[in-house]
Amino acid sequence: MKTTELTKQLRDMDTAALNQELVASLREQFNLRMQNATKQLTQTHQLKQVRRKIACIRTILQDKAGQAS
């Protein structure tokens, strides 16, 4: 999925859904880091993708929090 498509999907979500997505992405990042540490991860580009997804989610959450104030 392209970044712009992901961003559009995330912006359409409400805050509760974004928080759930953030928790799931953080859990995924942890699992990928453990696989990388034990040399089981073959597709290392996934680490970068998940890290950027987390940053995008956090940015959108900050935007939504700023608009609510």
C-alpha atoms as a PDB file:
ATOM      1  CA  MET A   1       0.000   0.000   0.000  1.00  0.00           C
ATOM      2  CA  LYS A   2       1.294   3.428  -0.872  1.00  0.00           C
ATOM      3  CA  THR A   3       1.946   5.995   1.803  1.00  0.00           C
ATOM      4  CA  THR A   4      -0.690   8.398   0.516  1.00  0.00           C
ATOM      5  CA  GLU A   5      -3.340   5.684   0.556  1.00  0.00           C
ATOM      6  CA  LEU A   6      -2.354   4.734   4.094  1.00  0.00           C
ATOM      7  CA  THR A   7      -2.488   8.363   5.204  1.00  0.00           C
ATOM      8  CA  LYS A   8      -5.951   8.833   3.721  1.00  0.00           C
ATOM      9  CA  GLN A   9      -7.212   5.708   5.466  1.00  0.00           C
ATOM     10  CA  LEU A  10      -5.722   6.779   8.795  1.00  0.00           C
ATOM     11  CA  ARG A  11      -7.156  10.298   8.553  1.00  0.00           C
ATOM     12  CA  ASP A  12     -10.634   8.828   8.054  1.00  0.00           C
ATOM     13  CA  MET A  13     -10.388   6.853  11.316  1.00  0.00           C
ATOM     14  CA  ASP A  14     -11.541   8.198  14.653  1.00  0.00           C
ATOM     15  CA  THR A  15      -9.229   8.612  17.630  1.00  0.00           C
ATOM     16  CA  ALA A  16     -10.120   5.294  19.282  1.00  0.00           C
ATOM     17  CA  ALA A  17      -9.435   3.348  16.089  1.00  0.00           C
ATOM     18  CA  LEU A  18      -6.141   5.200  15.624  1.00  0.00           C
ATOM     19  CA  ASN A  19      -5.085   4.297  19.159  1.00  0.00           C
ATOM     20  CA  GLN A  20      -5.871   0.633  18.483  1.00  0.00           C
ATOM     21  CA  GLU A  21      -3.909   0.793  15.239  1.00  0.00           C
ATOM     22  CA  LEU A  22      -0.994   2.386  17.100  1.00  0.00           C
ATOM     23  CA  VAL A  23      -0.939  -0.382  19.708  1.00  0.00           C
ATOM     24  CA  ALA A  24      -1.070  -3.041  16.993  1.00  0.00           C
ATOM     25  CA  SER A  25       1.754  -1.353  15.068  1.00  0.00           C
ATOM     26  CA  LEU A  26       3.916  -1.051  18.182  1.00  0.00           C
ATOM     27  CA  ARG A  27       3.364  -4.745  18.904  1.00  0.00           C
ATOM     28  CA  GLU A  28       4.278  -5.561  15.298  1.00  0.00           C
ATOM     29  CA  GLN A  29       7.417  -3.447  15.575  1.00  0.00           C
ATOM     30  CA  PHE A  30       8.441  -5.271  18.754  1.00  0.00           C
ATOM     31  CA  ASN A  31       7.951  -8.662  17.103  1.00  0.00           C
ATOM     32  CA  LEU A  32       9.963  -7.589  14.061  1.00  0.00           C
ATOM     33  CA  ARG A  33      12.775  -6.294  16.271  1.00  0.00           C
ATOM     34  CA  MET A  34      12.915  -9.614  18.132  1.00  0.00           C
ATOM     35  CA  GLN A  35      12.974 -11.538  14.858  1.00  0.00           C
ATOM     36  CA  ASN A  36      15.763  -9.293  13.602  1.00  0.00           C
ATOM     37  CA  ALA A  37      17.775  -9.781  16.771  1.00  0.00           C
ATOM     38  CA  THR A  38      17.527 -13.561  16.478  1.00  0.00           C
ATOM     39  CA  LYS A  39      18.362 -13.445  12.731  1.00  0.00           C
ATOM     40  CA  GLN A  40      14.944 -14.817  11.750  1.00  0.00           C
ATOM     41  CA  LEU A  41      13.808 -11.718   9.841  1.00  0.00           C
ATOM     42  CA  THR A  42      14.519 -11.950   6.138  1.00  0.00           C
ATOM     43  CA  GLN A  43      12.546  -8.906   4.966  1.00  0.00           C
ATOM     44  CA  THR A  44      14.256  -6.172   6.929  1.00  0.00           C
ATOM     45  CA  HIS A  45      12.447  -3.426   5.013  1.00  0.00           C
ATOM     46  CA  GLN A  46       9.402  -4.195   7.151  1.00  0.00           C
ATOM     47  CA  LEU A  47      11.084  -2.510  10.119  1.00  0.00           C
ATOM     48  CA  LYS A  48      11.283   0.769   8.244  1.00  0.00           C
ATOM     49  CA  GLN A  49       7.703   0.498   6.988  1.00  0.00           C
ATOM     50  CA  VAL A  50       6.289  -0.119  10.460  1.00  0.00           C
ATOM     51  CA  ARG A  51       8.379   2.671  11.973  1.00  0.00           C
ATOM     52  CA  ARG A  52       7.042   5.127   9.410  1.00  0.00           C
ATOM     53  CA  LYS A  53       3.482   3.911   9.929  1.00  0.00           C
ATOM     54  CA  ILE A  54       3.816   4.539  13.676  1.00  0.00           C
ATOM     55  CA  ALA A  55       5.134   8.040  13.004  1.00  0.00           C
ATOM     56  CA  CYS A  56       2.230   8.727  10.651  1.00  0.00           C
ATOM     57  CA  ILE A  57      -0.335   7.531  13.200  1.00  0.00           C
ATOM     58  CA  ARG A  58       1.208   9.637  15.961  1.00  0.00           C
ATOM     59  CA  THR A  59       1.258  12.701  13.710  1.00  0.00           C
ATOM     60  CA  ILE A  60      -2.396  12.285  12.815  1.00  0.00           C
ATOM     61  CA  LEU A  61      -3.300  11.810  16.491  1.00  0.00           C
ATOM     62  CA  GLN A  62      -1.486  15.063  17.325  1.00  0.00           C
ATOM     63  CA  ASP A  63      -3.328  16.848  14.524  1.00  0.00           C
ATOM     64  CA  LYS A  64      -6.674  15.592  15.788  1.00  0.00           C
ATOM     65  CA  ALA A  65      -5.801  16.604  19.362  1.00  0.00           C
ATOM     66  CA  GLY A  66      -4.855  20.086  18.156  1.00  0.00           C
ATOM     67  CA  GLN A  67      -8.101  20.518  16.271  1.00  0.00           C
ATOM     68  CA  ALA A  68     -10.181  19.470  19.277  1.00  0.00           C
ATOM     69  CA  SER A  69      -8.685  22.146  21.509  1.00  0.00           C
END
